[in-house]
Amino acid sequence: MTLTFGLRKIASRLSCPTAIREVEQLLRHTQDIGQSLRRVTLELRPAALEEFGLVTALRSLVEEWNRVTEIVTEFQIVGQEEDLPLETAVTLYRLAQEALTNVAKHAGPGVAVSVVLRFSALQVTLTIDDNGGGFEADEALTSHLVSQGKLGLLGMRERLSLVDGTLKIESAPGQGTSIVARVYRSPEARGDA
C-alpha cells in the first residue's frame, strides 16, 4: 500500500512522458503483486475453513476454481457433515487445491472433474476424479518425481500421513485420474476401512 502511494506521488511530479509511463507500469505491477499476495494470504488459512467448516470452504474453492478454469466440475457431499479437527480440515483442503491445480495443468482439453466429500462413522474420504489424459501412477509415486522437482503427489501423501490418513492414486495414460484421500476417525478405523 505504501509503495502504491509512493509511486503515485512520484508519477504526479514527473514531466517526462516516458518516465510517467514507466512509473505507471510499475504501479500496475505493484497492484498485481498486492492482489496476488492477498490471494496467497487467504489460501494459507482460508477464513471460510475456520468460520464455516470444510464443506463450505471446499464448495467455495471448487466454485472459484470452476470460474477461473472454466472446467466442468461437480461437487458433492455424502453422509452427515461433521466437524473435523482444524489440522485435518486444512490438510483435506490443501489436498483438494493441489489436485485441482494438477488437473488444470495436466488433464488436457475437454476435461470434467468430480469432487466428492464423504463422511462416515469410521472415516472422511475426499475423492477427486477427472477424465483427463492421466499418467503412469506407478512411476508418479516413486522418488523419480523428487529428482524432477515434482513434489505435489508426494507432498499430498506426506500431509495426509500427519493426520492419520492415506492417499490412493489411480491413473493411466488416456484413462483420467482418481485421487482418494482417507482420514480415519480413530486408529481402530484404519484396520476396518
N, C-alpha and C. Protein backbone atom coordinates (compact mmCIF):
# COMPACT_ATOMS: atom_id res chain seq x y z
N MET A 1 0.83 -1.18 0.00
CA MET A 1 0.00 0.00 0.00
C MET A 1 0.88 1.26 0.00
N THR A 2 1.89 1.25 0.85
CA THR A 2 2.79 2.39 0.90
C THR A 2 3.52 2.55 -0.43
N LEU A 3 3.92 1.45 -1.02
CA LEU A 3 4.60 1.50 -2.31
C LEU A 3 3.70 2.10 -3.39
N THR A 4 2.43 1.71 -3.40
CA THR A 4 1.47 2.25 -4.37
C THR A 4 1.34 3.76 -4.22
N PHE A 5 1.17 4.22 -2.98
CA PHE A 5 1.05 5.66 -2.76
C PHE A 5 2.32 6.39 -3.16
N GLY A 6 3.48 5.81 -2.85
CA GLY A 6 4.75 6.43 -3.22
C GLY A 6 4.91 6.55 -4.72
N LEU A 7 4.53 5.49 -5.44
CA LEU A 7 4.64 5.54 -6.90
C LEU A 7 3.68 6.58 -7.50
N ARG A 8 2.49 6.68 -6.94
CA ARG A 8 1.54 7.71 -7.43
C ARG A 8 2.09 9.11 -7.19
N LYS A 9 2.71 9.29 -6.04
CA LYS A 9 3.27 10.60 -5.70
C LYS A 9 4.40 10.96 -6.67
N ILE A 10 5.25 9.98 -6.96
CA ILE A 10 6.36 10.22 -7.91
C ILE A 10 5.80 10.53 -9.29
N ALA A 11 4.80 9.75 -9.74
CA ALA A 11 4.21 9.96 -11.08
C ALA A 11 3.63 11.35 -11.21
N SER A 12 3.03 11.86 -10.14
CA SER A 12 2.42 13.20 -10.22
C SER A 12 3.46 14.31 -10.33
N ARG A 13 4.69 14.04 -9.96
CA ARG A 13 5.75 15.05 -10.00
C ARG A 13 6.60 14.98 -11.26
N LEU A 14 6.39 13.96 -12.07
CA LEU A 14 7.21 13.80 -13.27
C LEU A 14 6.65 14.60 -14.43
N SER A 15 7.55 15.04 -15.32
CA SER A 15 7.10 15.76 -16.51
C SER A 15 7.46 15.01 -17.79
N CYS A 16 8.39 14.09 -17.72
CA CYS A 16 8.82 13.32 -18.89
C CYS A 16 7.79 12.22 -19.17
N PRO A 17 7.16 12.23 -20.35
CA PRO A 17 6.14 11.21 -20.67
C PRO A 17 6.65 9.77 -20.56
N THR A 18 7.88 9.53 -20.95
CA THR A 18 8.44 8.18 -20.85
C THR A 18 8.55 7.74 -19.40
N ALA A 19 9.05 8.63 -18.54
CA ALA A 19 9.19 8.32 -17.12
C ALA A 19 7.82 8.09 -16.48
N ILE A 20 6.83 8.89 -16.87
CA ILE A 20 5.47 8.72 -16.33
C ILE A 20 4.93 7.34 -16.71
N ARG A 21 5.11 6.95 -17.98
CA ARG A 21 4.64 5.63 -18.43
C ARG A 21 5.32 4.51 -17.65
N GLU A 22 6.62 4.65 -17.42
CA GLU A 22 7.37 3.62 -16.70
C GLU A 22 6.90 3.50 -15.25
N VAL A 23 6.66 4.64 -14.61
CA VAL A 23 6.17 4.62 -13.23
C VAL A 23 4.75 4.05 -13.18
N GLU A 24 3.92 4.39 -14.16
CA GLU A 24 2.56 3.84 -14.20
C GLU A 24 2.59 2.33 -14.40
N GLN A 25 3.55 1.86 -15.21
CA GLN A 25 3.69 0.42 -15.40
C GLN A 25 4.13 -0.24 -14.08
N LEU A 26 5.06 0.37 -13.39
CA LEU A 26 5.46 -0.14 -12.08
C LEU A 26 4.29 -0.14 -11.10
N LEU A 27 3.47 0.87 -11.16
CA LEU A 27 2.29 0.95 -10.30
C LEU A 27 1.34 -0.21 -10.59
N ARG A 28 1.10 -0.51 -11.87
CA ARG A 28 0.23 -1.65 -12.24
C ARG A 28 0.82 -2.96 -11.72
N HIS A 29 2.14 -3.14 -11.87
CA HIS A 29 2.79 -4.35 -11.38
C HIS A 29 2.65 -4.45 -9.86
N THR A 30 2.82 -3.33 -9.19
CA THR A 30 2.69 -3.31 -7.73
C THR A 30 1.28 -3.70 -7.31
N GLN A 31 0.28 -3.19 -8.00
CA GLN A 31 -1.10 -3.55 -7.69
C GLN A 31 -1.36 -5.03 -7.95
N ASP A 32 -0.81 -5.57 -9.03
CA ASP A 32 -0.95 -7.00 -9.32
C ASP A 32 -0.31 -7.85 -8.23
N ILE A 33 0.87 -7.43 -7.79
CA ILE A 33 1.56 -8.15 -6.71
C ILE A 33 0.71 -8.10 -5.44
N GLY A 34 0.14 -6.95 -5.14
CA GLY A 34 -0.71 -6.82 -3.95
C GLY A 34 -1.90 -7.76 -4.01
N GLN A 35 -2.55 -7.85 -5.18
CA GLN A 35 -3.68 -8.76 -5.33
C GLN A 35 -3.23 -10.21 -5.16
N SER A 36 -2.09 -10.55 -5.71
CA SER A 36 -1.57 -11.92 -5.58
C SER A 36 -1.27 -12.24 -4.12
N LEU A 37 -0.67 -11.30 -3.42
CA LEU A 37 -0.37 -11.51 -2.00
C LEU A 37 -1.65 -11.71 -1.19
N ARG A 38 -2.69 -10.95 -1.50
CA ARG A 38 -3.96 -11.13 -0.79
C ARG A 38 -4.52 -12.52 -1.04
N ARG A 39 -4.45 -12.99 -2.29
CA ARG A 39 -4.94 -14.34 -2.60
C ARG A 39 -4.14 -15.40 -1.85
N VAL A 40 -2.82 -15.26 -1.85
CA VAL A 40 -1.97 -16.23 -1.16
C VAL A 40 -2.28 -16.23 0.33
N THR A 41 -2.44 -15.07 0.91
CA THR A 41 -2.74 -14.97 2.32
C THR A 41 -4.05 -15.67 2.64
N LEU A 42 -5.05 -15.47 1.83
CA LEU A 42 -6.33 -16.14 2.05
C LEU A 42 -6.20 -17.64 1.89
N GLU A 43 -5.37 -18.08 0.96
CA GLU A 43 -5.21 -19.51 0.71
C GLU A 43 -4.42 -20.19 1.82
N LEU A 44 -3.54 -19.46 2.52
CA LEU A 44 -2.76 -20.08 3.58
C LEU A 44 -3.67 -20.65 4.67
N ARG A 45 -4.63 -19.91 5.07
CA ARG A 45 -5.62 -20.39 6.02
C ARG A 45 -6.93 -19.74 5.65
N PRO A 46 -7.68 -20.37 4.78
CA PRO A 46 -8.91 -19.75 4.30
C PRO A 46 -9.86 -19.42 5.45
N ALA A 47 -10.33 -18.20 5.47
CA ALA A 47 -11.25 -17.77 6.53
C ALA A 47 -12.49 -18.65 6.55
N ALA A 48 -12.98 -19.04 5.38
CA ALA A 48 -14.18 -19.88 5.31
C ALA A 48 -13.96 -21.21 6.02
N LEU A 49 -12.75 -21.73 6.00
CA LEU A 49 -12.45 -23.00 6.64
C LEU A 49 -12.64 -22.91 8.15
N GLU A 50 -12.11 -21.87 8.76
CA GLU A 50 -12.24 -21.71 10.20
C GLU A 50 -13.64 -21.28 10.61
N GLU A 51 -14.24 -20.39 9.82
CA GLU A 51 -15.55 -19.86 10.19
C GLU A 51 -16.71 -20.80 9.89
N PHE A 52 -16.66 -21.46 8.72
CA PHE A 52 -17.82 -22.21 8.26
C PHE A 52 -17.57 -23.70 8.11
N GLY A 53 -16.33 -24.16 8.20
CA GLY A 53 -16.04 -25.58 8.10
C GLY A 53 -15.57 -26.01 6.72
N LEU A 54 -15.19 -27.27 6.66
CA LEU A 54 -14.59 -27.82 5.45
C LEU A 54 -15.55 -27.83 4.27
N VAL A 55 -16.80 -28.19 4.49
CA VAL A 55 -17.74 -28.29 3.37
C VAL A 55 -17.89 -26.95 2.66
N THR A 56 -18.12 -25.90 3.41
CA THR A 56 -18.30 -24.57 2.82
C THR A 56 -17.01 -24.10 2.14
N ALA A 57 -15.87 -24.34 2.79
CA ALA A 57 -14.60 -23.92 2.20
C ALA A 57 -14.31 -24.68 0.90
N LEU A 58 -14.58 -25.98 0.88
CA LEU A 58 -14.37 -26.75 -0.35
C LEU A 58 -15.32 -26.31 -1.45
N ARG A 59 -16.57 -26.09 -1.07
CA ARG A 59 -17.54 -25.63 -2.07
C ARG A 59 -17.06 -24.31 -2.69
N SER A 60 -16.60 -23.40 -1.86
CA SER A 60 -16.10 -22.11 -2.33
C SER A 60 -14.87 -22.31 -3.23
N LEU A 61 -13.96 -23.17 -2.81
CA LEU A 61 -12.76 -23.46 -3.61
C LEU A 61 -13.14 -24.01 -4.98
N VAL A 62 -14.04 -24.99 -5.00
CA VAL A 62 -14.45 -25.61 -6.27
C VAL A 62 -15.15 -24.59 -7.17
N GLU A 63 -16.03 -23.77 -6.58
CA GLU A 63 -16.73 -22.76 -7.39
C GLU A 63 -15.76 -21.75 -7.99
N GLU A 64 -14.80 -21.29 -7.19
CA GLU A 64 -13.82 -20.32 -7.69
C GLU A 64 -12.93 -20.96 -8.74
N TRP A 65 -12.48 -22.19 -8.50
CA TRP A 65 -11.64 -22.90 -9.45
C TRP A 65 -12.40 -23.10 -10.76
N ASN A 66 -13.67 -23.49 -10.67
CA ASN A 66 -14.51 -23.68 -11.85
C ASN A 66 -14.65 -22.37 -12.63
N ARG A 67 -14.84 -21.27 -11.92
CA ARG A 67 -14.99 -19.97 -12.57
C ARG A 67 -13.71 -19.57 -13.29
N VAL A 68 -12.58 -19.78 -12.66
CA VAL A 68 -11.30 -19.36 -13.23
C VAL A 68 -10.88 -20.27 -14.39
N THR A 69 -11.03 -21.57 -14.22
CA THR A 69 -10.54 -22.51 -15.24
C THR A 69 -11.58 -22.83 -16.31
N GLU A 70 -12.86 -22.60 -15.99
CA GLU A 70 -13.97 -22.95 -16.88
C GLU A 70 -14.01 -24.45 -17.16
N ILE A 71 -13.51 -25.26 -16.23
CA ILE A 71 -13.57 -26.72 -16.34
C ILE A 71 -14.84 -27.19 -15.63
N VAL A 72 -15.61 -28.02 -16.30
CA VAL A 72 -16.85 -28.53 -15.73
C VAL A 72 -16.52 -29.31 -14.46
N THR A 73 -17.13 -28.91 -13.34
CA THR A 73 -16.81 -29.50 -12.05
C THR A 73 -18.07 -29.76 -11.25
N GLU A 74 -18.17 -30.95 -10.69
CA GLU A 74 -19.29 -31.33 -9.83
C GLU A 74 -18.76 -31.45 -8.40
N PHE A 75 -19.51 -30.93 -7.44
CA PHE A 75 -19.14 -31.04 -6.03
C PHE A 75 -20.28 -31.71 -5.29
N GLN A 76 -19.95 -32.72 -4.49
CA GLN A 76 -21.00 -33.49 -3.82
C GLN A 76 -20.56 -33.84 -2.40
N ILE A 77 -21.52 -33.79 -1.48
CA ILE A 77 -21.31 -34.21 -0.10
C ILE A 77 -22.15 -35.47 0.12
N VAL A 78 -21.54 -36.49 0.71
CA VAL A 78 -22.24 -37.73 1.02
C VAL A 78 -22.13 -37.97 2.52
N GLY A 79 -23.24 -38.28 3.16
CA GLY A 79 -23.23 -38.52 4.60
C GLY A 79 -23.48 -37.25 5.38
N GLN A 80 -23.52 -37.40 6.67
CA GLN A 80 -23.79 -36.28 7.57
C GLN A 80 -22.50 -35.52 7.88
N GLU A 81 -22.48 -34.25 7.51
CA GLU A 81 -21.29 -33.42 7.75
C GLU A 81 -21.01 -33.35 9.24
N GLU A 82 -19.74 -33.49 9.59
CA GLU A 82 -19.31 -33.40 10.98
C GLU A 82 -18.10 -32.48 11.05
N ASP A 83 -17.94 -31.84 12.21
CA ASP A 83 -16.77 -31.01 12.42
C ASP A 83 -15.53 -31.89 12.47
N LEU A 84 -14.47 -31.40 11.90
CA LEU A 84 -13.19 -32.10 11.91
C LEU A 84 -12.17 -31.24 12.64
N PRO A 85 -11.13 -31.86 13.19
CA PRO A 85 -10.05 -31.05 13.75
C PRO A 85 -9.52 -30.11 12.66
N LEU A 86 -9.15 -28.90 13.03
CA LEU A 86 -8.70 -27.90 12.05
C LEU A 86 -7.55 -28.42 11.20
N GLU A 87 -6.60 -29.12 11.81
CA GLU A 87 -5.46 -29.65 11.06
C GLU A 87 -5.92 -30.62 9.97
N THR A 88 -6.89 -31.45 10.27
CA THR A 88 -7.43 -32.39 9.29
C THR A 88 -8.15 -31.65 8.17
N ALA A 89 -8.97 -30.66 8.55
CA ALA A 89 -9.70 -29.89 7.54
C ALA A 89 -8.74 -29.15 6.62
N VAL A 90 -7.71 -28.54 7.18
CA VAL A 90 -6.72 -27.82 6.37
C VAL A 90 -6.01 -28.79 5.43
N THR A 91 -5.67 -29.96 5.92
CA THR A 91 -4.99 -30.97 5.10
C THR A 91 -5.85 -31.38 3.91
N LEU A 92 -7.12 -31.67 4.15
CA LEU A 92 -8.01 -32.06 3.05
C LEU A 92 -8.22 -30.90 2.07
N TYR A 93 -8.33 -29.71 2.59
CA TYR A 93 -8.49 -28.53 1.74
C TYR A 93 -7.27 -28.35 0.85
N ARG A 94 -6.08 -28.44 1.43
CA ARG A 94 -4.83 -28.28 0.67
C ARG A 94 -4.70 -29.38 -0.39
N LEU A 95 -5.09 -30.59 -0.03
CA LEU A 95 -5.04 -31.69 -0.99
C LEU A 95 -5.95 -31.38 -2.17
N ALA A 96 -7.15 -30.89 -1.89
CA ALA A 96 -8.08 -30.54 -2.98
C ALA A 96 -7.46 -29.45 -3.86
N GLN A 97 -6.84 -28.44 -3.26
CA GLN A 97 -6.18 -27.38 -4.04
C GLN A 97 -5.12 -27.96 -4.95
N GLU A 98 -4.27 -28.82 -4.40
CA GLU A 98 -3.18 -29.40 -5.18
C GLU A 98 -3.72 -30.26 -6.31
N ALA A 99 -4.72 -31.08 -6.01
CA ALA A 99 -5.29 -31.96 -7.03
C ALA A 99 -5.94 -31.15 -8.15
N LEU A 100 -6.70 -30.11 -7.79
CA LEU A 100 -7.35 -29.28 -8.82
C LEU A 100 -6.31 -28.52 -9.65
N THR A 101 -5.26 -28.07 -9.01
CA THR A 101 -4.17 -27.40 -9.74
C THR A 101 -3.56 -28.37 -10.74
N ASN A 102 -3.34 -29.62 -10.32
CA ASN A 102 -2.78 -30.62 -11.22
C ASN A 102 -3.72 -30.89 -12.40
N VAL A 103 -5.02 -30.93 -12.15
CA VAL A 103 -5.98 -31.13 -13.23
C VAL A 103 -5.85 -29.99 -14.24
N ALA A 104 -5.84 -28.76 -13.74
CA ALA A 104 -5.76 -27.60 -14.63
C ALA A 104 -4.48 -27.62 -15.46
N LYS A 105 -3.38 -28.08 -14.87
CA LYS A 105 -2.09 -28.09 -15.57
C LYS A 105 -1.95 -29.24 -16.56
N HIS A 106 -2.49 -30.43 -16.18
CA HIS A 106 -2.10 -31.64 -16.89
C HIS A 106 -3.23 -32.43 -17.56
N ALA A 107 -4.47 -32.19 -17.22
CA ALA A 107 -5.54 -33.10 -17.66
C ALA A 107 -5.88 -32.95 -19.14
N GLY A 108 -5.66 -31.79 -19.72
CA GLY A 108 -5.92 -31.61 -21.13
C GLY A 108 -7.30 -31.02 -21.40
N PRO A 109 -7.61 -30.80 -22.68
CA PRO A 109 -8.88 -30.15 -23.06
C PRO A 109 -10.08 -31.07 -22.86
N GLY A 110 -11.24 -30.46 -22.64
CA GLY A 110 -12.49 -31.21 -22.52
C GLY A 110 -12.63 -32.02 -21.25
N VAL A 111 -11.83 -31.73 -20.27
CA VAL A 111 -11.86 -32.49 -19.03
C VAL A 111 -13.05 -32.09 -18.16
N ALA A 112 -13.56 -33.04 -17.39
CA ALA A 112 -14.58 -32.80 -16.38
C ALA A 112 -14.07 -33.37 -15.06
N VAL A 113 -14.47 -32.75 -13.95
CA VAL A 113 -13.96 -33.12 -12.64
C VAL A 113 -15.11 -33.36 -11.69
N SER A 114 -14.93 -34.35 -10.84
CA SER A 114 -15.88 -34.64 -9.77
C SER A 114 -15.14 -34.58 -8.44
N VAL A 115 -15.68 -33.81 -7.49
CA VAL A 115 -15.12 -33.71 -6.15
C VAL A 115 -16.19 -34.20 -5.19
N VAL A 116 -15.87 -35.27 -4.44
CA VAL A 116 -16.85 -35.85 -3.51
C VAL A 116 -16.22 -35.92 -2.12
N LEU A 117 -16.92 -35.37 -1.14
CA LEU A 117 -16.50 -35.44 0.26
C LEU A 117 -17.50 -36.34 0.97
N ARG A 118 -17.01 -37.47 1.49
CA ARG A 118 -17.88 -38.48 2.09
C ARG A 118 -17.57 -38.62 3.58
N PHE A 119 -18.61 -38.46 4.40
CA PHE A 119 -18.49 -38.63 5.84
C PHE A 119 -19.09 -39.98 6.23
N SER A 120 -18.35 -40.76 7.01
CA SER A 120 -18.89 -42.00 7.58
C SER A 120 -18.43 -42.08 9.03
N ALA A 121 -18.92 -43.08 9.72
CA ALA A 121 -18.57 -43.23 11.13
C ALA A 121 -17.09 -43.49 11.33
N LEU A 122 -16.45 -44.14 10.35
CA LEU A 122 -15.06 -44.55 10.50
C LEU A 122 -14.05 -43.61 9.87
N GLN A 123 -14.48 -42.87 8.83
CA GLN A 123 -13.52 -42.06 8.10
C GLN A 123 -14.19 -40.93 7.33
N VAL A 124 -13.35 -40.00 6.90
CA VAL A 124 -13.77 -38.95 5.97
C VAL A 124 -12.95 -39.19 4.70
N THR A 125 -13.63 -39.23 3.56
CA THR A 125 -12.96 -39.52 2.30
C THR A 125 -13.19 -38.38 1.32
N LEU A 126 -12.13 -37.91 0.74
CA LEU A 126 -12.19 -36.89 -0.30
C LEU A 126 -11.71 -37.54 -1.59
N THR A 127 -12.59 -37.57 -2.60
CA THR A 127 -12.25 -38.17 -3.89
C THR A 127 -12.32 -37.11 -4.98
N ILE A 128 -11.27 -37.03 -5.76
CA ILE A 128 -11.24 -36.09 -6.88
C ILE A 128 -10.92 -36.91 -8.13
N ASP A 129 -11.90 -36.96 -9.03
CA ASP A 129 -11.76 -37.72 -10.27
C ASP A 129 -11.78 -36.78 -11.45
N ASP A 130 -10.98 -37.10 -12.45
CA ASP A 130 -11.07 -36.36 -13.72
C ASP A 130 -10.97 -37.36 -14.86
N ASN A 131 -11.50 -36.96 -16.00
CA ASN A 131 -11.46 -37.81 -17.19
C ASN A 131 -10.40 -37.33 -18.18
N GLY A 132 -9.35 -36.72 -17.64
CA GLY A 132 -8.30 -36.15 -18.48
C GLY A 132 -7.32 -37.18 -19.01
N GLY A 133 -6.15 -36.70 -19.37
CA GLY A 133 -5.14 -37.52 -20.04
C GLY A 133 -4.52 -38.61 -19.19
N GLY A 134 -4.56 -38.47 -17.87
CA GLY A 134 -3.96 -39.48 -16.99
C GLY A 134 -2.45 -39.52 -17.09
N PHE A 135 -1.84 -40.44 -16.34
CA PHE A 135 -0.39 -40.61 -16.31
C PHE A 135 -0.08 -41.98 -15.72
N GLU A 136 1.18 -42.35 -15.75
CA GLU A 136 1.61 -43.62 -15.15
C GLU A 136 1.69 -43.44 -13.64
N ALA A 137 0.68 -43.89 -12.94
CA ALA A 137 0.62 -43.68 -11.49
C ALA A 137 1.75 -44.38 -10.77
N ASP A 138 2.15 -45.56 -11.21
CA ASP A 138 3.24 -46.27 -10.54
C ASP A 138 4.52 -45.45 -10.56
N GLU A 139 4.83 -44.88 -11.72
CA GLU A 139 6.02 -44.06 -11.86
C GLU A 139 5.90 -42.79 -11.03
N ALA A 140 4.68 -42.23 -10.98
CA ALA A 140 4.47 -40.97 -10.29
C ALA A 140 4.69 -41.08 -8.80
N LEU A 141 4.58 -42.25 -8.25
CA LEU A 141 4.68 -42.41 -6.80
C LEU A 141 6.08 -42.80 -6.35
N THR A 142 7.04 -42.75 -7.22
CA THR A 142 8.40 -43.10 -6.86
C THR A 142 9.24 -41.86 -6.61
N SER A 143 10.42 -42.09 -6.09
CA SER A 143 11.32 -40.97 -5.82
C SER A 143 11.81 -40.33 -7.12
N HIS A 144 11.51 -40.96 -8.26
CA HIS A 144 11.85 -40.37 -9.55
C HIS A 144 11.29 -38.96 -9.66
N LEU A 145 10.09 -38.76 -9.13
CA LEU A 145 9.47 -37.43 -9.17
C LEU A 145 10.28 -36.42 -8.36
N VAL A 146 10.82 -36.87 -7.25
CA VAL A 146 11.61 -35.96 -6.42
C VAL A 146 12.79 -35.42 -7.21
N SER A 147 13.44 -36.29 -7.96
CA SER A 147 14.61 -35.86 -8.73
C SER A 147 14.22 -34.87 -9.82
N GLN A 148 12.95 -34.88 -10.24
CA GLN A 148 12.47 -33.94 -11.25
C GLN A 148 11.88 -32.68 -10.61
N GLY A 149 11.84 -32.64 -9.28
CA GLY A 149 11.26 -31.50 -8.60
C GLY A 149 9.74 -31.51 -8.58
N LYS A 150 9.13 -32.64 -8.88
CA LYS A 150 7.67 -32.77 -8.89
C LYS A 150 7.24 -33.39 -7.56
N LEU A 151 6.90 -32.53 -6.62
CA LEU A 151 6.64 -32.99 -5.26
C LEU A 151 5.16 -33.00 -4.88
N GLY A 152 4.28 -32.57 -5.76
CA GLY A 152 2.88 -32.43 -5.42
C GLY A 152 2.24 -33.69 -4.88
N LEU A 153 2.34 -34.79 -5.62
CA LEU A 153 1.71 -36.04 -5.19
C LEU A 153 2.37 -36.59 -3.94
N LEU A 154 3.69 -36.51 -3.87
CA LEU A 154 4.38 -36.99 -2.69
C LEU A 154 4.05 -36.12 -1.47
N GLY A 155 3.91 -34.81 -1.70
CA GLY A 155 3.53 -33.90 -0.62
C GLY A 155 2.14 -34.20 -0.10
N MET A 156 1.23 -34.55 -1.00
CA MET A 156 -0.13 -34.92 -0.57
C MET A 156 -0.08 -36.11 0.39
N ARG A 157 0.67 -37.12 -0.01
CA ARG A 157 0.77 -38.33 0.83
C ARG A 157 1.37 -38.00 2.19
N GLU A 158 2.42 -37.18 2.19
CA GLU A 158 3.07 -36.81 3.45
C GLU A 158 2.12 -36.03 4.35
N ARG A 159 1.39 -35.06 3.78
CA ARG A 159 0.44 -34.28 4.58
C ARG A 159 -0.61 -35.16 5.22
N LEU A 160 -1.12 -36.11 4.44
CA LEU A 160 -2.16 -37.00 4.96
C LEU A 160 -1.64 -37.90 6.07
N SER A 161 -0.42 -38.36 5.94
CA SER A 161 0.12 -39.24 6.98
C SER A 161 0.21 -38.52 8.32
N LEU A 162 0.36 -37.21 8.29
CA LEU A 162 0.46 -36.44 9.54
C LEU A 162 -0.87 -36.34 10.29
N VAL A 163 -1.97 -36.62 9.60
CA VAL A 163 -3.29 -36.58 10.24
C VAL A 163 -3.94 -37.97 10.22
N ASP A 164 -3.09 -39.01 10.23
CA ASP A 164 -3.54 -40.41 10.22
C ASP A 164 -4.40 -40.70 9.00
N GLY A 165 -3.93 -40.27 7.84
CA GLY A 165 -4.67 -40.50 6.61
C GLY A 165 -3.85 -41.26 5.59
N THR A 166 -4.53 -41.67 4.53
CA THR A 166 -3.87 -42.38 3.44
C THR A 166 -4.27 -41.75 2.11
N LEU A 167 -3.46 -41.97 1.11
CA LEU A 167 -3.72 -41.44 -0.22
C LEU A 167 -3.59 -42.57 -1.22
N LYS A 168 -4.60 -42.68 -2.09
CA LYS A 168 -4.58 -43.67 -3.17
C LYS A 168 -4.73 -42.92 -4.48
N ILE A 169 -3.85 -43.20 -5.43
CA ILE A 169 -3.89 -42.55 -6.73
C ILE A 169 -4.02 -43.62 -7.79
N GLU A 170 -5.05 -43.50 -8.61
CA GLU A 170 -5.24 -44.42 -9.72
C GLU A 170 -5.26 -43.60 -11.00
N SER A 171 -4.39 -43.98 -11.93
CA SER A 171 -4.32 -43.25 -13.19
C SER A 171 -3.59 -44.11 -14.21
N ALA A 172 -3.90 -43.86 -15.45
CA ALA A 172 -3.19 -44.48 -16.57
C ALA A 172 -3.32 -43.53 -17.75
N PRO A 173 -2.34 -43.53 -18.63
CA PRO A 173 -2.43 -42.65 -19.80
C PRO A 173 -3.75 -42.86 -20.56
N GLY A 174 -4.44 -41.77 -20.82
CA GLY A 174 -5.70 -41.80 -21.53
C GLY A 174 -6.90 -42.23 -20.71
N GLN A 175 -6.70 -42.51 -19.42
CA GLN A 175 -7.77 -43.04 -18.57
C GLN A 175 -8.21 -42.10 -17.46
N GLY A 176 -7.68 -40.90 -17.38
CA GLY A 176 -8.04 -39.99 -16.32
C GLY A 176 -7.32 -40.33 -15.03
N THR A 177 -7.70 -39.64 -13.96
CA THR A 177 -7.04 -39.81 -12.67
C THR A 177 -8.07 -39.80 -11.56
N SER A 178 -7.85 -40.64 -10.56
CA SER A 178 -8.68 -40.66 -9.36
C SER A 178 -7.76 -40.55 -8.15
N ILE A 179 -8.02 -39.54 -7.33
CA ILE A 179 -7.25 -39.34 -6.10
C ILE A 179 -8.22 -39.53 -4.94
N VAL A 180 -7.88 -40.46 -4.05
CA VAL A 180 -8.74 -40.76 -2.91
C VAL A 180 -7.94 -40.56 -1.64
N ALA A 181 -8.37 -39.58 -0.85
CA ALA A 181 -7.73 -39.29 0.44
C ALA A 181 -8.67 -39.75 1.54
N ARG A 182 -8.15 -40.55 2.46
CA ARG A 182 -8.95 -41.02 3.59
C ARG A 182 -8.30 -40.57 4.89
N VAL A 183 -9.10 -40.00 5.76
CA VAL A 183 -8.65 -39.66 7.11
C VAL A 183 -9.51 -40.47 8.06
N TYR A 184 -8.85 -41.27 8.89
CA TYR A 184 -9.55 -42.17 9.78
C TYR A 184 -9.93 -41.48 11.08
N ARG A 185 -11.11 -41.82 11.58
CA ARG A 185 -11.63 -41.20 12.81
C ARG A 185 -10.88 -41.69 14.05
N SER A 186 -10.35 -42.92 14.00
CA SER A 186 -9.61 -43.48 15.14
C SER A 186 -8.63 -44.49 14.60
N PRO A 187 -7.60 -44.86 15.39
CA PRO A 187 -6.64 -45.84 14.92
C PRO A 187 -7.30 -47.19 14.57
N GLU A 188 -8.35 -47.55 15.30
CA GLU A 188 -9.05 -48.81 15.02
C GLU A 188 -9.75 -48.77 13.65
N ALA A 189 -10.21 -47.59 13.24
CA ALA A 189 -10.93 -47.45 11.97
C ALA A 189 -10.02 -47.76 10.79
N ARG A 190 -8.74 -47.52 10.95
CA ARG A 190 -7.79 -47.75 9.86
C ARG A 190 -7.81 -49.21 9.41
N GLY A 191 -7.94 -50.12 10.34
CA GLY A 191 -7.98 -51.55 10.01
C GLY A 191 -9.29 -51.98 9.41
N ASP A 192 -10.37 -51.23 9.67
CA ASP A 192 -11.71 -51.60 9.19
C ASP A 192 -12.01 -51.03 7.82
N ALA A 193 -11.22 -50.07 7.34
CA ALA A 193 -11.57 -49.36 6.11
C ALA A 193 -11.39 -50.19 4.88
